Amino acid sequence: MSKQASSKANGATGIDKEYDQWLEGSGYNMMELLLNAYYWFDESLQNLIDEKGWPPVTRSQSVIFVHLSQGRNRTVDIAKHMGVSKQAVNRSVNELVSLGLLKLSTDPTDKRAKIVTPSAKGKQIAEYALKALVRIEKEMNARIGANAGNELRNLLGRDWGEPLDKY
């Protein structure tokens, strides 16, 4: 193990003493932990979708379906929520259209905007994905304990308020 990897495992970044003390013991900051959990869920979901023989989608494409399930169906709204450019979202959406998983239509309230909806095939995959997510969460609960899984769900589901302003 390299010296840098070793210090990371011990919670030291060498960047900021206060931050290193904050990480003492875990070795990871909260954002890393949340991202790793997200990646675990997404990779598990991709594996289960692949098992069904459906076309593989990238992580950024997968996120488009999450936004659609939350009621965001305009590319501009998805991009704003993700904090990325509209072009980046359009790229993922267009790839999903090419795969036959999404359809695009003109927004009747704003002719410049596009409405994104799942195709029939996309709806099938989305319905399966919801069932798969239940299976994944049950597996997570089996691994970390049902009480811990329920507590995690409750904590993440709380209203955290608005993001912090600039210093």
N, C-alpha and C. Protein backbone atom coordinates (compact mmCIF):
# COMPACT_ATOMS: atom_id res chain seq x y z
N MET A 1 0.85 -1.17 0.00
CA MET A 1 0.00 0.00 0.00
C MET A 1 0.90 1.23 0.00
N SER A 2 0.58 2.20 -0.85
CA SER A 2 1.39 3.41 -0.92
C SER A 2 1.21 4.24 0.34
N LYS A 3 2.16 5.15 0.56
CA LYS A 3 2.10 6.02 1.74
C LYS A 3 0.82 6.85 1.71
N GLN A 4 0.46 7.36 0.51
CA GLN A 4 -0.75 8.18 0.38
C GLN A 4 -1.99 7.33 0.68
N ALA A 5 -2.06 6.11 0.12
CA ALA A 5 -3.21 5.24 0.36
C ALA A 5 -3.27 4.87 1.84
N SER A 6 -2.11 4.62 2.45
CA SER A 6 -2.07 4.28 3.86
C SER A 6 -2.59 5.41 4.72
N SER A 7 -2.17 6.65 4.43
CA SER A 7 -2.65 7.78 5.22
C SER A 7 -4.13 8.01 4.98
N LYS A 8 -4.62 7.74 3.76
CA LYS A 8 -6.05 7.88 3.48
C LYS A 8 -6.84 6.87 4.30
N ALA A 9 -6.35 5.64 4.38
CA ALA A 9 -7.03 4.61 5.15
C ALA A 9 -7.08 4.97 6.63
N ASN A 10 -6.08 5.73 7.08
CA ASN A 10 -6.06 6.16 8.48
C ASN A 10 -6.82 7.47 8.69
N GLY A 11 -7.42 8.01 7.65
CA GLY A 11 -8.22 9.22 7.78
C GLY A 11 -7.44 10.50 7.57
N ALA A 12 -6.18 10.44 7.17
CA ALA A 12 -5.38 11.64 6.99
C ALA A 12 -5.28 12.00 5.53
N THR A 13 -5.58 13.24 5.20
CA THR A 13 -5.44 13.70 3.83
C THR A 13 -4.17 14.50 3.65
N GLY A 14 -3.66 15.06 4.73
CA GLY A 14 -2.49 15.91 4.64
C GLY A 14 -2.81 17.29 4.08
N ILE A 15 -4.08 17.56 3.85
CA ILE A 15 -4.50 18.84 3.28
C ILE A 15 -4.85 19.84 4.37
N ASP A 16 -5.59 19.38 5.37
CA ASP A 16 -6.07 20.28 6.41
C ASP A 16 -6.15 19.50 7.72
N LYS A 17 -5.48 20.02 8.76
CA LYS A 17 -5.41 19.32 10.04
C LYS A 17 -6.80 19.13 10.67
N GLU A 18 -7.63 20.17 10.65
CA GLU A 18 -8.97 20.08 11.22
C GLU A 18 -9.79 19.02 10.49
N TYR A 19 -9.69 19.01 9.16
CA TYR A 19 -10.40 18.03 8.35
C TYR A 19 -9.91 16.62 8.66
N ASP A 20 -8.58 16.46 8.78
CA ASP A 20 -8.02 15.15 9.11
C ASP A 20 -8.54 14.65 10.46
N GLN A 21 -8.67 15.54 11.43
CA GLN A 21 -9.20 15.15 12.75
C GLN A 21 -10.66 14.75 12.63
N TRP A 22 -11.40 15.46 11.79
CA TRP A 22 -12.82 15.16 11.57
C TRP A 22 -12.98 13.75 11.00
N LEU A 23 -12.08 13.36 10.08
CA LEU A 23 -12.15 12.05 9.44
C LEU A 23 -11.59 10.92 10.29
N GLU A 24 -10.91 11.26 11.36
CA GLU A 24 -10.24 10.27 12.19
C GLU A 24 -11.14 9.06 12.43
N GLY A 25 -10.62 7.90 12.08
CA GLY A 25 -11.38 6.67 12.31
C GLY A 25 -12.06 6.16 11.06
N SER A 26 -12.83 6.99 10.35
CA SER A 26 -13.57 6.48 9.20
C SER A 26 -12.73 6.49 7.93
N GLY A 27 -11.92 7.52 7.75
CA GLY A 27 -11.11 7.61 6.55
C GLY A 27 -11.85 8.16 5.35
N TYR A 28 -13.15 8.40 5.47
CA TYR A 28 -13.94 8.89 4.35
C TYR A 28 -14.83 10.04 4.81
N ASN A 29 -15.01 11.02 3.92
CA ASN A 29 -15.96 12.08 4.25
C ASN A 29 -17.36 11.64 3.83
N MET A 30 -18.34 12.36 4.29
CA MET A 30 -19.74 11.98 4.06
C MET A 30 -20.07 11.90 2.57
N MET A 31 -19.53 12.84 1.78
CA MET A 31 -19.83 12.82 0.36
C MET A 31 -19.31 11.54 -0.29
N GLU A 32 -18.12 11.12 0.08
CA GLU A 32 -17.57 9.86 -0.44
C GLU A 32 -18.46 8.68 -0.05
N LEU A 33 -18.89 8.66 1.20
CA LEU A 33 -19.74 7.57 1.67
C LEU A 33 -21.07 7.52 0.91
N LEU A 34 -21.67 8.69 0.72
CA LEU A 34 -22.94 8.75 -0.01
C LEU A 34 -22.76 8.32 -1.46
N LEU A 35 -21.67 8.79 -2.09
CA LEU A 35 -21.41 8.39 -3.48
C LEU A 35 -21.15 6.90 -3.59
N ASN A 36 -20.37 6.35 -2.66
CA ASN A 36 -20.09 4.91 -2.70
C ASN A 36 -21.39 4.11 -2.54
N ALA A 37 -22.27 4.57 -1.68
CA ALA A 37 -23.56 3.89 -1.51
C ALA A 37 -24.39 3.99 -2.79
N TYR A 38 -24.39 5.17 -3.39
CA TYR A 38 -25.12 5.35 -4.65
C TYR A 38 -24.54 4.43 -5.73
N TYR A 39 -23.21 4.37 -5.83
CA TYR A 39 -22.58 3.51 -6.84
C TYR A 39 -22.93 2.05 -6.59
N TRP A 40 -22.98 1.62 -5.32
CA TRP A 40 -23.34 0.24 -4.99
C TRP A 40 -24.76 -0.06 -5.48
N PHE A 41 -25.69 0.87 -5.20
CA PHE A 41 -27.07 0.68 -5.65
C PHE A 41 -27.14 0.65 -7.17
N ASP A 42 -26.48 1.60 -7.82
CA ASP A 42 -26.57 1.69 -9.27
C ASP A 42 -25.93 0.49 -9.95
N GLU A 43 -24.77 0.05 -9.46
CA GLU A 43 -24.13 -1.12 -10.05
C GLU A 43 -24.99 -2.37 -9.85
N SER A 44 -25.59 -2.49 -8.67
CA SER A 44 -26.50 -3.63 -8.42
C SER A 44 -27.68 -3.57 -9.39
N LEU A 45 -28.24 -2.39 -9.56
CA LEU A 45 -29.36 -2.22 -10.49
C LEU A 45 -28.94 -2.57 -11.91
N GLN A 46 -27.78 -2.07 -12.34
CA GLN A 46 -27.30 -2.37 -13.70
C GLN A 46 -27.10 -3.87 -13.89
N ASN A 47 -26.58 -4.54 -12.87
CA ASN A 47 -26.39 -6.00 -12.96
C ASN A 47 -27.72 -6.72 -13.11
N LEU A 48 -28.74 -6.30 -12.38
CA LEU A 48 -30.04 -6.96 -12.47
C LEU A 48 -30.72 -6.66 -13.80
N ILE A 49 -30.53 -5.44 -14.32
CA ILE A 49 -31.10 -5.11 -15.63
C ILE A 49 -30.39 -5.92 -16.72
N ASP A 50 -29.07 -6.03 -16.60
CA ASP A 50 -28.28 -6.82 -17.55
C ASP A 50 -28.71 -8.28 -17.53
N GLU A 51 -29.00 -8.78 -16.32
CA GLU A 51 -29.44 -10.17 -16.16
C GLU A 51 -30.71 -10.45 -16.97
N LYS A 52 -31.54 -9.43 -17.13
CA LYS A 52 -32.79 -9.57 -17.91
C LYS A 52 -32.55 -9.45 -19.41
N GLY A 53 -31.32 -9.09 -19.79
CA GLY A 53 -31.00 -8.98 -21.21
C GLY A 53 -31.34 -7.64 -21.82
N TRP A 54 -31.67 -6.66 -21.00
CA TRP A 54 -31.96 -5.33 -21.53
C TRP A 54 -30.67 -4.58 -21.80
N PRO A 55 -30.74 -3.57 -22.66
CA PRO A 55 -29.50 -2.87 -23.01
C PRO A 55 -28.89 -2.18 -21.79
N PRO A 56 -27.56 -2.25 -21.68
CA PRO A 56 -26.91 -1.57 -20.57
C PRO A 56 -27.02 -0.05 -20.72
N VAL A 57 -27.13 0.64 -19.61
CA VAL A 57 -27.14 2.11 -19.63
C VAL A 57 -26.02 2.60 -18.71
N THR A 58 -25.52 3.77 -19.03
CA THR A 58 -24.46 4.36 -18.21
C THR A 58 -25.08 4.94 -16.95
N ARG A 59 -24.24 5.29 -16.01
CA ARG A 59 -24.70 5.90 -14.77
C ARG A 59 -25.45 7.21 -15.05
N SER A 60 -24.91 8.02 -15.96
CA SER A 60 -25.58 9.29 -16.26
C SER A 60 -26.92 9.05 -16.96
N GLN A 61 -27.04 8.00 -17.74
CA GLN A 61 -28.32 7.65 -18.34
C GLN A 61 -29.30 7.14 -17.29
N SER A 62 -28.81 6.36 -16.36
CA SER A 62 -29.63 5.84 -15.28
C SER A 62 -30.26 6.97 -14.46
N VAL A 63 -29.47 8.01 -14.24
CA VAL A 63 -29.94 9.16 -13.46
C VAL A 63 -31.11 9.85 -14.15
N ILE A 64 -31.14 9.83 -15.47
CA ILE A 64 -32.26 10.44 -16.21
C ILE A 64 -33.57 9.76 -15.79
N PHE A 65 -33.55 8.43 -15.67
CA PHE A 65 -34.75 7.71 -15.25
C PHE A 65 -35.16 8.08 -13.82
N VAL A 66 -34.18 8.31 -12.95
CA VAL A 66 -34.49 8.73 -11.58
C VAL A 66 -35.24 10.06 -11.62
N HIS A 67 -34.75 10.99 -12.42
CA HIS A 67 -35.41 12.30 -12.52
C HIS A 67 -36.81 12.18 -13.11
N LEU A 68 -36.98 11.33 -14.10
CA LEU A 68 -38.32 11.13 -14.67
C LEU A 68 -39.27 10.58 -13.61
N SER A 69 -38.78 9.67 -12.76
CA SER A 69 -39.64 9.09 -11.72
C SER A 69 -40.01 10.13 -10.67
N GLN A 70 -39.21 11.21 -10.57
CA GLN A 70 -39.50 12.28 -9.62
C GLN A 70 -40.31 13.40 -10.26
N GLY A 71 -40.75 13.20 -11.49
CA GLY A 71 -41.62 14.18 -12.14
C GLY A 71 -40.90 15.25 -12.95
N ARG A 72 -39.58 15.17 -13.03
CA ARG A 72 -38.84 16.11 -13.88
C ARG A 72 -38.79 15.52 -15.28
N ASN A 73 -39.43 16.16 -16.23
CA ASN A 73 -39.46 15.58 -17.57
C ASN A 73 -38.99 16.54 -18.66
N ARG A 74 -38.46 17.70 -18.26
CA ARG A 74 -37.87 18.62 -19.24
C ARG A 74 -36.36 18.58 -19.05
N THR A 75 -35.64 18.52 -20.17
CA THR A 75 -34.18 18.42 -20.08
C THR A 75 -33.59 19.58 -19.29
N VAL A 76 -34.13 20.76 -19.44
CA VAL A 76 -33.60 21.92 -18.72
C VAL A 76 -33.77 21.76 -17.21
N ASP A 77 -34.89 21.19 -16.78
CA ASP A 77 -35.13 20.98 -15.34
C ASP A 77 -34.21 19.88 -14.79
N ILE A 78 -34.01 18.84 -15.57
CA ILE A 78 -33.11 17.77 -15.15
C ILE A 78 -31.69 18.31 -15.00
N ALA A 79 -31.25 19.08 -15.99
CA ALA A 79 -29.90 19.66 -15.96
C ALA A 79 -29.74 20.58 -14.75
N LYS A 80 -30.73 21.40 -14.48
CA LYS A 80 -30.66 22.33 -13.35
C LYS A 80 -30.55 21.56 -12.04
N HIS A 81 -31.35 20.52 -11.87
CA HIS A 81 -31.32 19.74 -10.63
C HIS A 81 -30.00 18.99 -10.47
N MET A 82 -29.44 18.51 -11.58
CA MET A 82 -28.17 17.77 -11.53
C MET A 82 -26.97 18.69 -11.41
N GLY A 83 -27.15 19.96 -11.76
CA GLY A 83 -26.03 20.89 -11.73
C GLY A 83 -25.06 20.68 -12.88
N VAL A 84 -25.60 20.24 -14.02
CA VAL A 84 -24.79 20.03 -15.21
C VAL A 84 -25.39 20.83 -16.36
N SER A 85 -24.69 20.87 -17.47
CA SER A 85 -25.18 21.62 -18.62
C SER A 85 -26.36 20.90 -19.27
N LYS A 86 -27.18 21.68 -19.93
CA LYS A 86 -28.30 21.11 -20.67
C LYS A 86 -27.77 20.18 -21.78
N GLN A 87 -26.61 20.54 -22.35
CA GLN A 87 -26.01 19.72 -23.39
C GLN A 87 -25.64 18.33 -22.87
N ALA A 88 -25.14 18.26 -21.63
CA ALA A 88 -24.78 16.96 -21.05
C ALA A 88 -26.03 16.09 -20.88
N VAL A 89 -27.11 16.69 -20.42
CA VAL A 89 -28.36 15.94 -20.26
C VAL A 89 -28.89 15.54 -21.64
N ASN A 90 -28.84 16.46 -22.59
CA ASN A 90 -29.31 16.15 -23.94
C ASN A 90 -28.54 14.97 -24.54
N ARG A 91 -27.24 14.91 -24.28
CA ARG A 91 -26.43 13.80 -24.80
C ARG A 91 -26.95 12.47 -24.25
N SER A 92 -27.15 12.41 -22.93
CA SER A 92 -27.66 11.17 -22.31
C SER A 92 -29.05 10.84 -22.80
N VAL A 93 -29.91 11.84 -22.87
CA VAL A 93 -31.28 11.63 -23.34
C VAL A 93 -31.27 11.12 -24.78
N ASN A 94 -30.48 11.75 -25.64
CA ASN A 94 -30.43 11.33 -27.05
C ASN A 94 -29.91 9.90 -27.20
N GLU A 95 -28.96 9.52 -26.35
CA GLU A 95 -28.48 8.14 -26.37
C GLU A 95 -29.60 7.18 -25.97
N LEU A 96 -30.39 7.56 -24.98
CA LEU A 96 -31.51 6.71 -24.54
C LEU A 96 -32.62 6.67 -25.59
N VAL A 97 -32.80 7.76 -26.33
CA VAL A 97 -33.75 7.76 -27.45
C VAL A 97 -33.26 6.78 -28.51
N SER A 98 -31.96 6.81 -28.80
CA SER A 98 -31.38 5.89 -29.80
C SER A 98 -31.54 4.43 -29.39
N LEU A 99 -31.50 4.17 -28.08
CA LEU A 99 -31.70 2.81 -27.58
C LEU A 99 -33.18 2.40 -27.57
N GLY A 100 -34.04 3.36 -27.89
CA GLY A 100 -35.48 3.08 -27.89
C GLY A 100 -36.10 3.10 -26.51
N LEU A 101 -35.43 3.73 -25.53
CA LEU A 101 -35.93 3.73 -24.15
C LEU A 101 -36.67 5.02 -23.79
N LEU A 102 -36.42 6.09 -24.54
CA LEU A 102 -37.10 7.36 -24.28
C LEU A 102 -37.67 7.92 -25.57
N LYS A 103 -38.64 8.84 -25.39
CA LYS A 103 -39.20 9.60 -26.51
C LYS A 103 -39.09 11.08 -26.16
N LEU A 104 -38.95 11.91 -27.18
CA LEU A 104 -38.91 13.35 -27.00
C LEU A 104 -40.09 13.97 -27.72
N SER A 105 -40.69 14.98 -27.08
CA SER A 105 -41.74 15.75 -27.72
C SER A 105 -41.56 17.22 -27.34
N THR A 106 -42.17 18.09 -28.11
CA THR A 106 -42.06 19.52 -27.83
C THR A 106 -42.97 19.88 -26.66
N ASP A 107 -42.45 20.68 -25.75
CA ASP A 107 -43.22 21.15 -24.60
C ASP A 107 -44.28 22.11 -25.13
N PRO A 108 -45.57 21.84 -24.89
CA PRO A 108 -46.63 22.71 -25.41
C PRO A 108 -46.61 24.12 -24.79
N THR A 109 -45.99 24.26 -23.62
CA THR A 109 -45.95 25.57 -22.97
C THR A 109 -44.70 26.37 -23.35
N ASP A 110 -43.70 25.70 -23.94
CA ASP A 110 -42.46 26.36 -24.34
C ASP A 110 -41.89 25.58 -25.53
N LYS A 111 -42.11 26.07 -26.71
CA LYS A 111 -41.73 25.36 -27.94
C LYS A 111 -40.23 25.10 -28.04
N ARG A 112 -39.41 25.83 -27.25
CA ARG A 112 -37.97 25.61 -27.28
C ARG A 112 -37.57 24.40 -26.44
N ALA A 113 -38.41 24.02 -25.49
CA ALA A 113 -38.08 22.94 -24.55
C ALA A 113 -38.60 21.60 -25.04
N LYS A 114 -37.95 20.54 -24.59
CA LYS A 114 -38.36 19.18 -24.93
C LYS A 114 -38.86 18.46 -23.69
N ILE A 115 -39.92 17.69 -23.87
CA ILE A 115 -40.46 16.82 -22.83
C ILE A 115 -39.91 15.42 -23.06
N VAL A 116 -39.38 14.82 -22.00
CA VAL A 116 -38.80 13.48 -22.07
C VAL A 116 -39.77 12.51 -21.42
N THR A 117 -40.11 11.44 -22.13
CA THR A 117 -40.98 10.39 -21.56
C THR A 117 -40.41 9.03 -21.94
N PRO A 118 -40.64 8.06 -21.08
CA PRO A 118 -40.19 6.70 -21.43
C PRO A 118 -41.01 6.14 -22.58
N SER A 119 -40.37 5.39 -23.46
CA SER A 119 -41.07 4.65 -24.51
C SER A 119 -41.73 3.44 -23.84
N ALA A 120 -42.43 2.64 -24.60
CA ALA A 120 -43.04 1.42 -24.05
C ALA A 120 -41.95 0.52 -23.46
N LYS A 121 -40.84 0.37 -24.19
CA LYS A 121 -39.72 -0.44 -23.71
C LYS A 121 -39.10 0.20 -22.47
N GLY A 122 -38.96 1.53 -22.48
CA GLY A 122 -38.43 2.25 -21.33
C GLY A 122 -39.30 2.09 -20.10
N LYS A 123 -40.63 2.07 -20.29
CA LYS A 123 -41.56 1.86 -19.17
C LYS A 123 -41.38 0.46 -18.59
N GLN A 124 -41.19 -0.52 -19.45
CA GLN A 124 -40.96 -1.90 -18.98
C GLN A 124 -39.72 -1.97 -18.10
N ILE A 125 -38.66 -1.35 -18.58
CA ILE A 125 -37.40 -1.37 -17.81
C ILE A 125 -37.57 -0.59 -16.51
N ALA A 126 -38.25 0.55 -16.57
CA ALA A 126 -38.45 1.37 -15.37
C ALA A 126 -39.28 0.60 -14.33
N GLU A 127 -40.31 -0.10 -14.77
CA GLU A 127 -41.13 -0.90 -13.85
C GLU A 127 -40.29 -2.01 -13.21
N TYR A 128 -39.48 -2.67 -14.04
CA TYR A 128 -38.60 -3.72 -13.51
C TYR A 128 -37.59 -3.11 -12.53
N ALA A 129 -37.05 -1.93 -12.89
CA ALA A 129 -36.05 -1.28 -12.05
C ALA A 129 -36.61 -0.96 -10.67
N LEU A 130 -37.87 -0.54 -10.60
CA LEU A 130 -38.48 -0.26 -9.29
C LEU A 130 -38.56 -1.52 -8.45
N LYS A 131 -38.93 -2.63 -9.06
CA LYS A 131 -38.96 -3.91 -8.33
C LYS A 131 -37.55 -4.33 -7.93
N ALA A 132 -36.60 -4.11 -8.83
CA ALA A 132 -35.21 -4.46 -8.54
C ALA A 132 -34.67 -3.63 -7.38
N LEU A 133 -35.05 -2.36 -7.31
CA LEU A 133 -34.59 -1.51 -6.22
C LEU A 133 -35.10 -2.01 -4.87
N VAL A 134 -36.31 -2.55 -4.85
CA VAL A 134 -36.83 -3.15 -3.61
C VAL A 134 -35.97 -4.35 -3.25
N ARG A 135 -35.66 -5.17 -4.24
CA ARG A 135 -34.81 -6.35 -4.00
C ARG A 135 -33.43 -5.92 -3.49
N ILE A 136 -32.87 -4.87 -4.09
CA ILE A 136 -31.55 -4.38 -3.69
C ILE A 136 -31.59 -3.86 -2.26
N GLU A 137 -32.65 -3.11 -1.94
CA GLU A 137 -32.75 -2.57 -0.57
C GLU A 137 -32.92 -3.69 0.44
N LYS A 138 -33.67 -4.71 0.10
CA LYS A 138 -33.81 -5.86 1.00
C LYS A 138 -32.47 -6.56 1.21
N GLU A 139 -31.70 -6.67 0.15
CA GLU A 139 -30.37 -7.29 0.27
C GLU A 139 -29.46 -6.42 1.13
N MET A 140 -29.53 -5.10 0.95
CA MET A 140 -28.74 -4.21 1.78
C MET A 140 -29.12 -4.40 3.25
N ASN A 141 -30.43 -4.47 3.52
CA ASN A 141 -30.89 -4.67 4.90
C ASN A 141 -30.41 -6.00 5.47
N ALA A 142 -30.36 -7.03 4.63
CA ALA A 142 -29.85 -8.32 5.10
C ALA A 142 -28.37 -8.22 5.46
N ARG A 143 -27.65 -7.37 4.73
CA ARG A 143 -26.21 -7.24 4.97
C ARG A 143 -25.89 -6.32 6.15
N ILE A 144 -26.62 -5.22 6.29
CA ILE A 144 -26.28 -4.26 7.35
C ILE A 144 -27.25 -4.30 8.52
N GLY A 145 -28.32 -5.06 8.38
CA GLY A 145 -29.35 -5.15 9.42
C GLY A 145 -30.55 -4.29 9.06
N ALA A 146 -31.74 -4.84 9.29
CA ALA A 146 -32.97 -4.13 8.93
C ALA A 146 -33.10 -2.82 9.70
N ASN A 147 -32.73 -2.81 10.97
CA ASN A 147 -32.83 -1.56 11.75
C ASN A 147 -31.93 -0.48 11.17
N ALA A 148 -30.69 -0.85 10.82
CA ALA A 148 -29.76 0.11 10.24
C ALA A 148 -30.28 0.59 8.88
N GLY A 149 -30.81 -0.32 8.09
CA GLY A 149 -31.36 0.05 6.78
C GLY A 149 -32.54 1.00 6.90
N ASN A 150 -33.43 0.72 7.84
CA ASN A 150 -34.59 1.61 8.05
C ASN A 150 -34.15 2.96 8.58
N GLU A 151 -33.16 2.98 9.48
CA GLU A 151 -32.65 4.25 10.00
C GLU A 151 -31.98 5.05 8.89
N LEU A 152 -31.22 4.38 8.05
CA LEU A 152 -30.59 5.06 6.92
C LEU A 152 -31.64 5.69 6.02
N ARG A 153 -32.69 4.94 5.71
CA ARG A 153 -33.78 5.46 4.87
C ARG A 153 -34.42 6.68 5.54
N ASN A 154 -34.68 6.60 6.84
CA ASN A 154 -35.29 7.72 7.56
C ASN A 154 -34.39 8.95 7.56
N LEU A 155 -33.10 8.76 7.81
CA LEU A 155 -32.17 9.88 7.83
C LEU A 155 -32.05 10.54 6.46
N LEU A 156 -31.92 9.74 5.44
CA LEU A 156 -31.78 10.30 4.09
C LEU A 156 -33.08 10.95 3.62
N GLY A 157 -34.20 10.50 4.14
CA GLY A 157 -35.50 11.04 3.73
C GLY A 157 -35.89 12.32 4.44
N ARG A 158 -35.11 12.72 5.43
CA ARG A 158 -35.43 13.97 6.14
C ARG A 158 -35.19 15.18 5.26
N ASP A 159 -35.88 16.26 5.59
CA ASP A 159 -35.67 17.53 4.90
C ASP A 159 -34.40 18.17 5.46
N TRP A 160 -33.40 18.31 4.65
CA TRP A 160 -32.12 18.89 5.08
C TRP A 160 -32.10 20.40 4.90
N GLY A 161 -33.18 20.95 4.39
CA GLY A 161 -33.21 22.39 4.13
C GLY A 161 -32.46 22.71 2.84
N GLU A 162 -32.30 23.98 2.61
CA GLU A 162 -31.61 24.46 1.41
C GLU A 162 -30.10 24.19 1.54
N PRO A 163 -29.41 23.99 0.40
CA PRO A 163 -27.95 23.85 0.46
C PRO A 163 -27.30 25.08 1.07
N LEU A 164 -26.13 24.90 1.62
CA LEU A 164 -25.41 26.00 2.24
C LEU A 164 -25.09 27.08 1.20
N ASP A 165 -25.10 28.32 1.65
CA ASP A 165 -24.68 29.44 0.81
C ASP A 165 -23.16 29.49 0.77
N LYS A 166 -22.65 30.33 -0.11
CA LYS A 166 -21.19 30.53 -0.17
C LYS A 166 -20.71 31.15 1.12
N TYR A 167 -19.44 30.90 1.46
CA TYR A 167 -18.86 31.48 2.68
C TYR A 167 -18.85 32.98 2.60
